[in-house]
């Protein structure tokens, strides 16, 4: 079959738009998994492993697609990119990226603890680790709000969906 008769080429699969769609599917899957795990009575250890795998895949793909949050006229800010502080005003997009970036920083602390002799580096990322629950809720609520806005759904509140998420997540933890 010649390339002129084929209506679908392999290069169309690896476009930025398709990677963005895939990243959105991963994010949606992370929101839906506590509900699914609750109803299928999934084993908690396997459920958390699936959730962590989805989180890592979504986080890595987000860093590749969107990069790190940026301050206007500055490429790198030690206080924000290493310590996790926001000392400068950010655009809404960069504020959203910062909440996800802080989650990545807090998760990287776990990896640093596994490296012998590198435990002292975790002190650099103390603030993102301490702030992780707040960053998670902020990131989740904004992501759901953006997804609802993209779909044109105005009658649902993102905060309500976040409450349902935590209800099913903690129900899974208590049931285990």
N, C-alpha and C. Protein backbone atom coordinates (compact mmCIF):
# COMPACT_ATOMS: atom_id res chain seq x y z
N UNK A 1 0.84 -1.17 0.00
CA UNK A 1 0.00 0.00 0.00
C UNK A 1 0.89 1.23 0.00
N UNK A 2 0.65 2.14 -0.88
CA UNK A 2 1.47 3.33 -0.96
C UNK A 2 1.04 4.33 0.10
N UNK A 3 1.91 5.26 0.38
CA UNK A 3 1.61 6.24 1.42
C UNK A 3 0.53 7.22 0.99
N UNK A 4 0.33 7.36 -0.33
CA UNK A 4 -0.69 8.30 -0.79
C UNK A 4 -2.10 7.74 -0.61
N UNK A 5 -2.24 6.41 -0.57
CA UNK A 5 -3.57 5.82 -0.40
C UNK A 5 -3.92 5.62 1.06
N UNK A 6 -2.93 5.65 1.93
CA UNK A 6 -3.20 5.47 3.35
C UNK A 6 -3.72 6.78 3.93
N UNK A 7 -4.86 6.72 4.60
CA UNK A 7 -5.42 7.93 5.19
C UNK A 7 -4.91 8.16 6.61
N UNK A 8 -4.19 7.20 7.13
CA UNK A 8 -3.73 7.31 8.51
C UNK A 8 -2.25 6.95 8.56
N UNK A 9 -1.43 7.91 8.90
CA UNK A 9 0.00 7.65 9.00
C UNK A 9 0.38 7.51 10.46
N UNK A 10 1.48 6.85 10.69
CA UNK A 10 1.93 6.63 12.07
C UNK A 10 2.39 7.91 12.73
N UNK A 11 2.83 8.88 11.96
CA UNK A 11 3.32 10.12 12.56
C UNK A 11 2.19 10.93 13.20
N UNK A 12 0.94 10.68 12.81
CA UNK A 12 -0.16 11.44 13.41
C UNK A 12 -0.44 11.00 14.85
N UNK A 13 0.05 9.85 15.25
CA UNK A 13 -0.18 9.38 16.62
C UNK A 13 0.62 10.15 17.65
N UNK A 14 1.80 10.62 17.27
CA UNK A 14 2.71 11.22 18.23
C UNK A 14 2.70 12.75 18.19
N UNK A 15 1.53 13.32 18.01
CA UNK A 15 1.44 14.78 18.01
C UNK A 15 1.28 15.28 19.44
N UNK A 16 1.59 16.54 19.63
CA UNK A 16 1.44 17.14 20.97
C UNK A 16 -0.01 17.09 21.43
N UNK A 17 -0.94 17.30 20.52
CA UNK A 17 -2.36 17.27 20.88
C UNK A 17 -2.77 15.89 21.40
N UNK A 18 -2.26 14.83 20.80
CA UNK A 18 -2.59 13.48 21.27
C UNK A 18 -1.96 13.20 22.62
N UNK A 19 -0.75 13.69 22.86
CA UNK A 19 -0.12 13.51 24.17
C UNK A 19 -0.89 14.29 25.23
N UNK A 20 -1.39 15.49 24.87
CA UNK A 20 -2.22 16.25 25.81
C UNK A 20 -3.50 15.50 26.14
N UNK A 21 -4.13 14.92 25.13
CA UNK A 21 -5.34 14.13 25.37
C UNK A 21 -5.05 12.94 26.28
N UNK A 22 -3.94 12.27 26.01
CA UNK A 22 -3.56 11.12 26.84
C UNK A 22 -3.31 11.55 28.28
N UNK A 23 -2.66 12.71 28.46
CA UNK A 23 -2.40 13.22 29.80
C UNK A 23 -3.71 13.55 30.51
N UNK A 24 -4.67 14.07 29.78
CA UNK A 24 -5.99 14.35 30.38
C UNK A 24 -6.71 13.06 30.75
N UNK A 25 -6.54 12.03 29.95
CA UNK A 25 -7.14 10.73 30.28
C UNK A 25 -6.51 10.18 31.56
N UNK A 26 -5.19 10.32 31.70
CA UNK A 26 -4.52 9.88 32.93
C UNK A 26 -5.05 10.65 34.14
N UNK A 27 -5.21 11.96 33.98
CA UNK A 27 -5.72 12.78 35.09
C UNK A 27 -7.15 12.38 35.45
N UNK A 28 -7.96 12.15 34.45
CA UNK A 28 -9.34 11.73 34.70
C UNK A 28 -9.36 10.36 35.37
N UNK A 29 -8.49 9.48 34.94
CA UNK A 29 -8.42 8.14 35.54
C UNK A 29 -8.04 8.24 37.02
N UNK A 30 -7.15 9.18 37.36
CA UNK A 30 -6.77 9.33 38.77
C UNK A 30 -7.94 9.79 39.62
N UNK A 31 -8.83 10.60 39.05
CA UNK A 31 -9.99 11.08 39.80
C UNK A 31 -11.02 9.97 39.95
N UNK A 32 -11.14 9.13 38.94
CA UNK A 32 -12.18 8.10 38.93
C UNK A 32 -11.77 6.84 39.71
N UNK A 33 -10.48 6.57 39.83
CA UNK A 33 -10.04 5.30 40.42
C UNK A 33 -10.56 5.05 41.84
N UNK A 34 -10.64 6.03 42.74
CA UNK A 34 -11.19 5.69 44.07
C UNK A 34 -12.61 5.16 44.01
N UNK A 35 -13.43 5.71 43.11
CA UNK A 35 -14.80 5.24 42.97
C UNK A 35 -14.82 3.81 42.44
N UNK A 36 -14.04 3.56 41.40
CA UNK A 36 -13.98 2.21 40.81
C UNK A 36 -13.44 1.21 41.84
N UNK A 37 -12.37 1.60 42.53
CA UNK A 37 -11.78 0.71 43.53
C UNK A 37 -12.76 0.41 44.66
N UNK A 38 -13.58 1.38 45.01
CA UNK A 38 -14.57 1.16 46.06
C UNK A 38 -15.60 0.12 45.63
N UNK A 39 -16.11 0.26 44.42
CA UNK A 39 -17.18 -0.62 43.97
C UNK A 39 -16.70 -2.02 43.59
N UNK A 40 -15.44 -2.15 43.16
CA UNK A 40 -14.96 -3.50 42.86
C UNK A 40 -14.24 -4.12 44.06
N UNK A 41 -14.22 -3.38 45.17
CA UNK A 41 -13.58 -3.84 46.41
C UNK A 41 -12.13 -4.27 46.17
N UNK A 42 -11.39 -3.38 45.56
CA UNK A 42 -10.00 -3.66 45.20
C UNK A 42 -9.13 -3.74 46.46
N UNK A 43 -8.10 -4.54 46.39
CA UNK A 43 -7.12 -4.65 47.45
C UNK A 43 -6.39 -3.31 47.56
N UNK A 44 -6.26 -2.79 48.77
CA UNK A 44 -5.71 -1.45 48.98
C UNK A 44 -4.28 -1.33 48.45
N UNK A 45 -3.45 -2.32 48.68
CA UNK A 45 -2.06 -2.21 48.23
C UNK A 45 -1.97 -2.14 46.71
N UNK A 46 -2.78 -2.93 46.03
CA UNK A 46 -2.78 -2.86 44.56
C UNK A 46 -3.40 -1.57 44.07
N UNK A 47 -4.44 -1.11 44.76
CA UNK A 47 -5.10 0.13 44.36
C UNK A 47 -4.15 1.31 44.50
N UNK A 48 -3.41 1.36 45.60
CA UNK A 48 -2.46 2.46 45.79
C UNK A 48 -1.32 2.38 44.78
N UNK A 49 -0.93 1.17 44.42
CA UNK A 49 0.11 1.00 43.40
C UNK A 49 -0.37 1.53 42.05
N UNK A 50 -1.60 1.22 41.69
CA UNK A 50 -2.18 1.73 40.44
C UNK A 50 -2.26 3.26 40.49
N UNK A 51 -2.74 3.80 41.61
CA UNK A 51 -2.83 5.26 41.75
C UNK A 51 -1.47 5.92 41.64
N UNK A 52 -0.45 5.33 42.26
CA UNK A 52 0.89 5.89 42.20
C UNK A 52 1.45 5.82 40.79
N UNK A 53 1.18 4.73 40.08
CA UNK A 53 1.62 4.60 38.69
C UNK A 53 0.96 5.65 37.80
N UNK A 54 -0.34 5.86 37.98
CA UNK A 54 -1.03 6.90 37.22
C UNK A 54 -0.48 8.28 37.56
N UNK A 55 -0.20 8.52 38.84
CA UNK A 55 0.34 9.81 39.27
C UNK A 55 1.71 10.06 38.65
N UNK A 56 2.58 9.06 38.67
CA UNK A 56 3.91 9.22 38.08
C UNK A 56 3.83 9.46 36.58
N UNK A 57 3.01 8.68 35.89
CA UNK A 57 2.88 8.85 34.45
C UNK A 57 2.33 10.24 34.11
N UNK A 58 1.30 10.66 34.83
CA UNK A 58 0.71 11.98 34.59
C UNK A 58 1.73 13.08 34.92
N UNK A 59 2.43 12.95 36.02
CA UNK A 59 3.40 13.96 36.42
C UNK A 59 4.56 14.10 35.44
N UNK A 60 5.11 12.97 35.02
CA UNK A 60 6.23 13.02 34.07
C UNK A 60 5.78 13.59 32.74
N UNK A 61 4.63 13.15 32.27
CA UNK A 61 4.13 13.67 31.00
C UNK A 61 3.80 15.15 31.10
N UNK A 62 3.27 15.60 32.23
CA UNK A 62 2.98 17.03 32.42
C UNK A 62 4.26 17.85 32.41
N UNK A 63 5.31 17.35 33.06
CA UNK A 63 6.59 18.08 33.05
C UNK A 63 7.15 18.17 31.64
N UNK A 64 7.00 17.09 30.87
CA UNK A 64 7.50 17.11 29.49
C UNK A 64 6.68 18.07 28.63
N UNK A 65 5.37 18.02 28.78
CA UNK A 65 4.50 18.84 27.93
C UNK A 65 4.48 20.31 28.31
N UNK A 66 4.45 20.62 29.61
CA UNK A 66 4.25 21.99 30.05
C UNK A 66 5.48 22.63 30.68
N UNK A 67 6.44 21.83 31.09
CA UNK A 67 7.63 22.36 31.72
C UNK A 67 7.38 22.74 33.17
N UNK A 68 8.31 23.48 33.72
CA UNK A 68 8.19 23.91 35.10
C UNK A 68 7.55 25.30 35.15
N UNK A 69 6.97 25.68 36.28
CA UNK A 69 6.39 27.02 36.37
C UNK A 69 7.46 28.08 36.21
N UNK A 70 7.08 29.18 35.60
CA UNK A 70 8.05 30.24 35.30
C UNK A 70 7.60 31.56 35.89
N UNK A 71 8.59 32.33 36.34
CA UNK A 71 8.37 33.70 36.78
C UNK A 71 8.76 34.58 35.60
N UNK A 72 7.98 35.63 35.36
CA UNK A 72 8.23 36.50 34.22
C UNK A 72 9.66 37.06 34.27
N UNK A 73 10.34 36.97 33.16
CA UNK A 73 11.71 37.47 32.95
C UNK A 73 12.77 36.73 33.77
N UNK A 74 12.45 35.55 34.28
CA UNK A 74 13.44 34.75 35.00
C UNK A 74 13.30 33.30 34.56
N UNK A 75 14.44 32.67 34.28
CA UNK A 75 14.39 31.27 33.87
C UNK A 75 14.38 30.33 35.08
N UNK A 76 15.13 30.66 36.11
CA UNK A 76 15.24 29.78 37.26
C UNK A 76 15.21 30.61 38.53
N UNK A 77 14.38 30.23 39.46
CA UNK A 77 14.27 30.89 40.75
C UNK A 77 14.50 29.82 41.82
N UNK A 78 15.61 29.93 42.54
CA UNK A 78 15.96 28.92 43.54
C UNK A 78 14.84 28.74 44.57
N UNK A 79 14.28 29.86 45.04
CA UNK A 79 13.25 29.77 46.08
C UNK A 79 12.02 29.02 45.60
N UNK A 80 11.69 29.10 44.30
CA UNK A 80 10.51 28.42 43.81
C UNK A 80 10.85 27.03 43.27
N UNK A 81 11.88 26.93 42.46
CA UNK A 81 12.16 25.66 41.79
C UNK A 81 12.86 24.63 42.68
N UNK A 82 13.47 25.05 43.76
CA UNK A 82 14.10 24.09 44.67
C UNK A 82 13.35 24.03 46.00
N UNK A 83 13.06 25.18 46.57
CA UNK A 83 12.43 25.21 47.89
C UNK A 83 10.90 25.16 47.83
N UNK A 84 10.30 25.49 46.69
CA UNK A 84 8.85 25.41 46.54
C UNK A 84 8.08 26.64 46.97
N UNK A 85 8.76 27.74 47.26
CA UNK A 85 8.08 28.96 47.67
C UNK A 85 7.62 29.75 46.44
N UNK A 86 6.57 30.53 46.61
CA UNK A 86 6.11 31.43 45.55
C UNK A 86 6.29 32.85 46.07
N UNK A 87 7.38 33.48 45.67
CA UNK A 87 7.67 34.83 46.14
C UNK A 87 7.21 35.89 45.16
N UNK A 88 6.97 35.50 43.91
CA UNK A 88 6.57 36.43 42.87
C UNK A 88 5.16 36.10 42.41
N UNK A 89 4.42 37.10 41.96
CA UNK A 89 3.08 36.79 41.42
C UNK A 89 3.20 35.96 40.14
N UNK A 90 2.31 34.99 40.00
CA UNK A 90 2.33 34.10 38.84
C UNK A 90 1.02 34.19 38.09
N UNK A 91 1.06 33.85 36.83
CA UNK A 91 -0.17 33.76 36.04
C UNK A 91 -0.97 32.56 36.55
N UNK A 92 -2.27 32.52 36.28
CA UNK A 92 -3.07 31.36 36.72
C UNK A 92 -2.51 30.03 36.20
N UNK A 93 -2.02 30.02 34.97
CA UNK A 93 -1.44 28.79 34.41
C UNK A 93 -0.21 28.36 35.21
N UNK A 94 0.69 29.31 35.49
CA UNK A 94 1.90 28.99 36.25
C UNK A 94 1.59 28.66 37.70
N UNK A 95 0.55 29.27 38.26
CA UNK A 95 0.12 28.92 39.62
C UNK A 95 -0.34 27.46 39.67
N UNK A 96 -1.09 27.06 38.64
CA UNK A 96 -1.55 25.67 38.53
C UNK A 96 -0.36 24.73 38.35
N UNK A 97 0.58 25.11 37.50
CA UNK A 97 1.78 24.29 37.30
C UNK A 97 2.59 24.19 38.59
N UNK A 98 2.61 25.25 39.38
CA UNK A 98 3.37 25.24 40.64
C UNK A 98 2.80 24.23 41.63
N UNK A 99 1.46 24.11 41.69
CA UNK A 99 0.89 23.12 42.61
C UNK A 99 1.28 21.71 42.20
N UNK A 100 1.27 21.44 40.90
CA UNK A 100 1.71 20.12 40.42
C UNK A 100 3.21 19.93 40.63
N UNK A 101 3.97 21.00 40.45
CA UNK A 101 5.43 20.93 40.63
C UNK A 101 5.77 20.65 42.10
N UNK A 102 5.02 21.26 43.01
CA UNK A 102 5.24 20.99 44.44
C UNK A 102 4.95 19.54 44.78
N UNK A 103 3.94 18.96 44.14
CA UNK A 103 3.66 17.53 44.34
C UNK A 103 4.85 16.69 43.87
N UNK A 104 5.40 17.06 42.72
CA UNK A 104 6.57 16.34 42.20
C UNK A 104 7.75 16.48 43.15
N UNK A 105 7.93 17.67 43.71
CA UNK A 105 9.01 17.87 44.67
C UNK A 105 8.83 16.99 45.91
N UNK A 106 7.61 16.93 46.40
CA UNK A 106 7.35 16.14 47.61
C UNK A 106 7.55 14.65 47.33
N UNK A 107 7.18 14.19 46.16
CA UNK A 107 7.39 12.78 45.81
C UNK A 107 8.87 12.49 45.62
N UNK A 108 9.60 13.47 45.08
CA UNK A 108 11.04 13.25 44.90
C UNK A 108 11.77 13.14 46.23
N UNK A 109 11.19 13.72 47.30
CA UNK A 109 11.78 13.57 48.63
C UNK A 109 11.80 12.09 49.02
N UNK A 110 10.73 11.38 48.69
CA UNK A 110 10.68 9.94 48.98
C UNK A 110 11.80 9.20 48.27
N UNK A 111 12.07 9.60 47.03
CA UNK A 111 13.14 8.95 46.28
C UNK A 111 14.51 9.30 46.86
N UNK A 112 14.66 10.53 47.33
CA UNK A 112 15.93 10.94 47.93
C UNK A 112 16.22 10.18 49.21
N UNK A 113 15.17 9.81 49.93
CA UNK A 113 15.37 9.05 51.17
C UNK A 113 15.93 7.66 50.90
N UNK A 114 15.69 7.14 49.69
CA UNK A 114 16.18 5.81 49.34
C UNK A 114 17.65 5.80 48.96
N UNK A 115 18.21 6.98 48.66
CA UNK A 115 19.62 7.07 48.26
C UNK A 115 20.48 7.23 49.51
N UNK A 116 21.40 6.31 49.75
CA UNK A 116 22.26 6.42 50.94
C UNK A 116 23.09 7.71 50.91
N UNK A 117 23.07 8.42 52.02
CA UNK A 117 23.86 9.64 52.14
C UNK A 117 23.21 10.88 51.56
N UNK A 118 22.05 10.76 50.95
CA UNK A 118 21.39 11.92 50.34
C UNK A 118 20.20 12.40 51.16
N UNK A 119 20.06 11.89 52.36
CA UNK A 119 18.93 12.27 53.20
C UNK A 119 18.91 13.74 53.56
N UNK A 120 20.09 14.37 53.65
CA UNK A 120 20.15 15.77 54.00
C UNK A 120 19.54 16.65 52.91
N UNK A 121 19.51 16.16 51.67
CA UNK A 121 18.91 16.93 50.58
C UNK A 121 17.40 17.09 50.76
N UNK A 122 16.80 16.19 51.53
CA UNK A 122 15.36 16.29 51.75
C UNK A 122 14.99 17.55 52.54
N UNK A 123 15.95 18.09 53.30
CA UNK A 123 15.68 19.32 54.04
C UNK A 123 15.42 20.50 53.10
N UNK A 124 16.04 20.46 51.90
CA UNK A 124 15.80 21.52 50.92
C UNK A 124 14.33 21.54 50.49
N UNK A 125 13.71 20.39 50.44
CA UNK A 125 12.34 20.30 49.96
C UNK A 125 11.36 20.05 51.10
N UNK A 126 11.67 20.61 52.26
CA UNK A 126 10.81 20.43 53.42
C UNK A 126 9.46 21.11 53.22
N UNK A 127 9.46 22.34 52.69
CA UNK A 127 8.22 23.08 52.51
C UNK A 127 7.25 22.38 51.55
N UNK A 128 7.70 21.93 50.36
CA UNK A 128 6.75 21.21 49.50
C UNK A 128 6.21 19.94 50.15
N UNK A 129 7.03 19.26 50.94
CA UNK A 129 6.56 18.05 51.62
C UNK A 129 5.51 18.39 52.67
N UNK A 130 5.76 19.44 53.41
CA UNK A 130 4.83 19.88 54.44
C UNK A 130 3.52 20.37 53.83
N UNK A 131 3.62 20.99 52.67
CA UNK A 131 2.47 21.60 52.01
C UNK A 131 1.78 20.64 51.04
N UNK A 132 2.24 19.41 50.94
CA UNK A 132 1.72 18.47 49.93
C UNK A 132 0.20 18.28 49.99
N UNK A 133 -0.41 18.08 51.15
CA UNK A 133 -1.87 17.91 51.15
C UNK A 133 -2.61 19.13 50.59
N UNK A 134 -2.15 20.33 50.93
CA UNK A 134 -2.79 21.55 50.43
C UNK A 134 -2.58 21.66 48.92
N UNK A 135 -1.35 21.41 48.48
CA UNK A 135 -1.06 21.46 47.04
C UNK A 135 -1.89 20.45 46.27
N UNK A 136 -2.07 19.27 46.85
CA UNK A 136 -2.84 18.23 46.18
C UNK A 136 -4.30 18.66 46.00
N UNK A 137 -4.90 19.20 47.06
CA UNK A 137 -6.29 19.64 46.97
C UNK A 137 -6.42 20.80 45.98
N UNK A 138 -5.49 21.76 46.04
CA UNK A 138 -5.53 22.89 45.10
C UNK A 138 -5.40 22.41 43.66
N UNK A 139 -4.46 21.53 43.41
CA UNK A 139 -4.23 21.03 42.05
C UNK A 139 -5.43 20.24 41.57
N UNK A 140 -5.96 19.38 42.42
CA UNK A 140 -7.11 18.56 42.04
C UNK A 140 -8.33 19.44 41.73
N UNK A 141 -8.60 20.42 42.58
CA UNK A 141 -9.77 21.29 42.37
C UNK A 141 -9.62 22.11 41.10
N UNK A 142 -8.45 22.68 40.87
CA UNK A 142 -8.25 23.48 39.66
C UNK A 142 -8.31 22.62 38.41
N UNK A 143 -7.74 21.41 38.48
CA UNK A 143 -7.78 20.51 37.32
C UNK A 143 -9.21 20.13 36.98
N UNK A 144 -10.00 19.83 37.99
CA UNK A 144 -11.40 19.47 37.76
C UNK A 144 -12.17 20.68 37.22
N UNK A 145 -11.90 21.86 37.77
CA UNK A 145 -12.57 23.08 37.28
C UNK A 145 -12.23 23.33 35.81
N UNK A 146 -10.94 23.17 35.45
CA UNK A 146 -10.54 23.35 34.05
C UNK A 146 -11.21 22.31 33.15
N UNK A 147 -11.29 21.07 33.62
CA UNK A 147 -11.91 20.02 32.81
C UNK A 147 -13.40 20.29 32.62
N UNK A 148 -14.08 20.73 33.67
CA UNK A 148 -15.50 21.06 33.55
C UNK A 148 -15.71 22.25 32.61
N UNK A 149 -14.84 23.22 32.71
CA UNK A 149 -14.92 24.39 31.85
C UNK A 149 -14.68 24.00 30.39
N UNK A 150 -13.72 23.12 30.15
CA UNK A 150 -13.41 22.66 28.80
C UNK A 150 -14.60 21.93 28.18
N UNK A 151 -15.34 21.20 29.01
CA UNK A 151 -16.50 20.44 28.54
C UNK A 151 -17.78 21.29 28.51
N UNK A 152 -17.71 22.51 29.04
CA UNK A 152 -18.88 23.38 29.04
C UNK A 152 -19.90 23.01 30.10
N UNK A 153 -19.48 22.32 31.15
CA UNK A 153 -20.38 21.90 32.23
C UNK A 153 -20.34 22.99 33.30
N UNK A 154 -21.49 23.65 33.50
CA UNK A 154 -21.53 24.77 34.44
C UNK A 154 -22.27 24.45 35.72
N UNK A 155 -23.05 23.39 35.73
CA UNK A 155 -23.88 23.11 36.89
C UNK A 155 -23.18 22.25 37.96
N UNK A 156 -21.98 21.79 37.70
CA UNK A 156 -21.23 21.01 38.69
C UNK A 156 -20.15 21.87 39.31
N UNK A 157 -19.94 21.70 40.59
CA UNK A 157 -18.89 22.43 41.29
C UNK A 157 -17.68 21.51 41.47
N UNK A 158 -16.51 22.04 41.17
CA UNK A 158 -15.29 21.25 41.30
C UNK A 158 -15.05 20.84 42.76
N UNK A 159 -15.40 21.72 43.69
CA UNK A 159 -15.23 21.39 45.11
C UNK A 159 -16.06 20.20 45.54
N UNK A 160 -17.25 20.06 44.98
CA UNK A 160 -18.10 18.92 45.28
C UNK A 160 -17.48 17.62 44.78
N UNK A 161 -16.90 17.66 43.60
CA UNK A 161 -16.25 16.47 43.04
C UNK A 161 -15.03 16.10 43.88
N UNK A 162 -14.29 17.11 44.35
CA UNK A 162 -13.14 16.85 45.24
C UNK A 162 -13.62 16.19 46.52
N UNK A 163 -14.74 16.64 47.07
CA UNK A 163 -15.30 16.01 48.28
C UNK A 163 -15.67 14.56 48.03
N UNK A 164 -16.30 14.27 46.90
CA UNK A 164 -16.62 12.88 46.55
C UNK A 164 -15.36 12.04 46.39
N UNK A 165 -14.33 12.65 45.78
CA UNK A 165 -13.05 11.94 45.61
C UNK A 165 -12.51 11.51 46.97
N UNK A 166 -12.45 12.45 47.91
CA UNK A 166 -11.91 12.12 49.23
C UNK A 166 -12.81 11.18 50.01
N UNK A 167 -14.12 11.29 49.83
CA UNK A 167 -15.03 10.35 50.48
C UNK A 167 -14.71 8.92 50.06
N UNK A 168 -14.60 8.69 48.75
CA UNK A 168 -14.32 7.33 48.27
C UNK A 168 -12.89 6.91 48.59
N UNK A 169 -11.94 7.85 48.56
CA UNK A 169 -10.56 7.50 48.88
C UNK A 169 -10.45 7.05 50.34
N UNK A 170 -11.03 7.82 51.25
CA UNK A 170 -10.95 7.45 52.67
C UNK A 170 -11.83 6.22 52.98
N UNK A 171 -12.91 6.05 52.25
CA UNK A 171 -13.72 4.84 52.41
C UNK A 171 -12.90 3.60 52.05
N UNK A 172 -12.11 3.71 51.00
CA UNK A 172 -11.22 2.60 50.62
C UNK A 172 -10.18 2.33 51.70
N UNK A 173 -9.64 3.40 52.29
CA UNK A 173 -8.64 3.23 53.35
C UNK A 173 -9.25 2.59 54.59
N UNK A 174 -10.43 3.02 54.96
CA UNK A 174 -11.08 2.48 56.17
C UNK A 174 -11.55 1.04 55.98
N UNK A 175 -11.90 0.69 54.76
CA UNK A 175 -12.40 -0.65 54.49
C UNK A 175 -11.26 -1.67 54.50
N UNK A 176 -10.04 -1.21 54.24
CA UNK A 176 -8.91 -2.16 54.13
C UNK A 176 -8.53 -2.77 55.45
